[in-house]
Amino acid sequence: MKLNKQSTARLYALTCVACVVWLVQSLMEANADGSLTNWATIIFSLCLLVVIGWTGYNAISGWNAKEDDEDDGANDDGKNGDAGRRR
């Protein structure tokens, strides 16, 4: 299954939102049990921030991108996606 650019951008946006919710939830729990300043919590939060940044960037750049005709299987050279096959 091949997704177009807007569908991919939506999946990146959904992943970004899920990671933001996960980060907020984990920071609230860490604050409640007093482990907010533990190294494990800090490293986990930094990793989630990287994922949030990456997926957010890809969601925004994919959302603003124009749709190309790449979804029909044609390459830039005009040949079909089937390498070495003639019709």
Protein backbone atom coordinates (compact mmCIF):
# COMPACT_ATOMS: atom_id res chain seq x y z
CA MET A 1 0.00 0.00 0.00
CA LYS A 2 1.44 3.33 -1.06
CA LEU A 3 0.26 6.48 0.69
CA ASN A 4 0.17 9.90 -0.91
CA LYS A 5 1.88 12.88 0.68
CA GLN A 6 -1.17 14.16 2.50
CA SER A 7 -1.91 10.76 4.05
CA THR A 8 1.69 10.46 5.17
CA ALA A 9 1.51 13.96 6.65
CA ARG A 10 -1.64 13.00 8.55
CA LEU A 11 0.08 9.94 10.00
CA TYR A 12 3.05 12.06 11.06
CA ALA A 13 0.66 14.55 12.69
CA LEU A 14 -1.18 11.77 14.51
CA THR A 15 2.13 10.35 15.76
CA CYS A 16 3.22 13.80 16.88
CA VAL A 17 0.00 14.37 18.85
CA ALA A 18 0.22 10.92 20.44
CA CYS A 19 3.81 11.57 21.53
CA VAL A 20 2.87 14.97 22.97
CA VAL A 21 0.13 13.32 25.03
CA TRP A 22 2.57 10.59 26.11
CA LEU A 23 5.16 13.19 27.15
CA VAL A 24 2.67 15.25 29.15
CA GLN A 25 1.26 12.16 30.83
CA SER A 26 4.69 10.80 31.76
CA LEU A 27 5.87 14.16 33.09
CA MET A 28 2.74 14.51 35.21
CA GLU A 29 3.26 11.02 36.66
CA ALA A 30 6.95 11.70 37.28
CA ASN A 31 6.07 14.93 39.05
CA ALA A 32 3.50 13.14 41.20
CA ASP A 33 5.90 10.40 42.35
CA GLY A 34 8.93 12.69 42.70
CA SER A 35 11.03 11.23 39.90
CA LEU A 36 10.92 14.29 37.65
CA THR A 37 14.65 14.96 38.00
CA ASN A 38 15.84 11.37 37.54
CA TRP A 39 18.18 10.74 34.62
CA ALA A 40 15.85 8.15 33.15
CA THR A 41 12.96 10.61 33.07
CA ILE A 42 15.13 13.35 31.57
CA ILE A 43 16.54 11.09 28.84
CA PHE A 44 13.10 9.67 28.05
CA SER A 45 11.66 13.18 27.82
CA LEU A 46 14.48 14.30 25.53
CA CYS A 47 13.92 11.30 23.26
CA LEU A 48 10.22 12.06 23.06
CA LEU A 49 11.00 15.69 22.28
CA VAL A 50 13.20 14.58 19.36
CA VAL A 51 10.40 12.35 18.05
CA ILE A 52 7.86 15.16 18.48
CA GLY A 53 10.11 17.57 16.61
CA TRP A 54 10.82 15.14 13.77
CA THR A 55 7.23 14.04 13.27
CA GLY A 56 5.95 17.60 13.60
CA TYR A 57 8.41 18.86 11.00
CA ASN A 58 7.48 16.07 8.59
CA ALA A 59 3.77 16.65 9.17
CA ILE A 60 4.05 20.36 8.41
CA SER A 61 6.33 19.93 5.40
CA GLY A 62 4.14 17.15 3.97
CA TRP A 63 0.97 19.09 4.57
CA ASN A 64 2.28 22.07 2.58
CA ALA A 65 3.80 20.01 -0.25
CA LYS A 66 2.17 19.86 -3.65
CA GLU A 67 0.85 16.56 -4.89
CA ASP A 68 2.99 15.08 -7.65
CA ASP A 69 2.09 12.45 -10.21
CA GLU A 70 4.45 10.03 -8.48
CA ASP A 71 1.60 7.95 -7.12
CA ASP A 72 0.83 6.34 -10.50
CA GLY A 73 4.06 4.31 -10.60
CA ALA A 74 5.89 6.39 -13.19
CA ASN A 75 9.50 7.38 -12.65
CA ASP A 76 11.14 10.63 -13.75
CA ASP A 77 12.45 8.98 -16.92
CA GLY A 78 8.95 8.15 -18.17
CA LYS A 79 9.33 4.41 -17.69
CA ASN A 80 6.97 2.41 -15.58
CA GLY A 81 8.03 1.19 -12.14
CA ASP A 82 8.61 -2.34 -13.43
CA ALA A 83 12.37 -2.45 -13.99
CA GLY A 84 13.49 -4.30 -17.09
CA ARG A 85 10.01 -5.30 -18.17
CA ARG A 86 8.70 -4.36 -21.62
CA ARG A 87 5.12 -4.17 -22.71
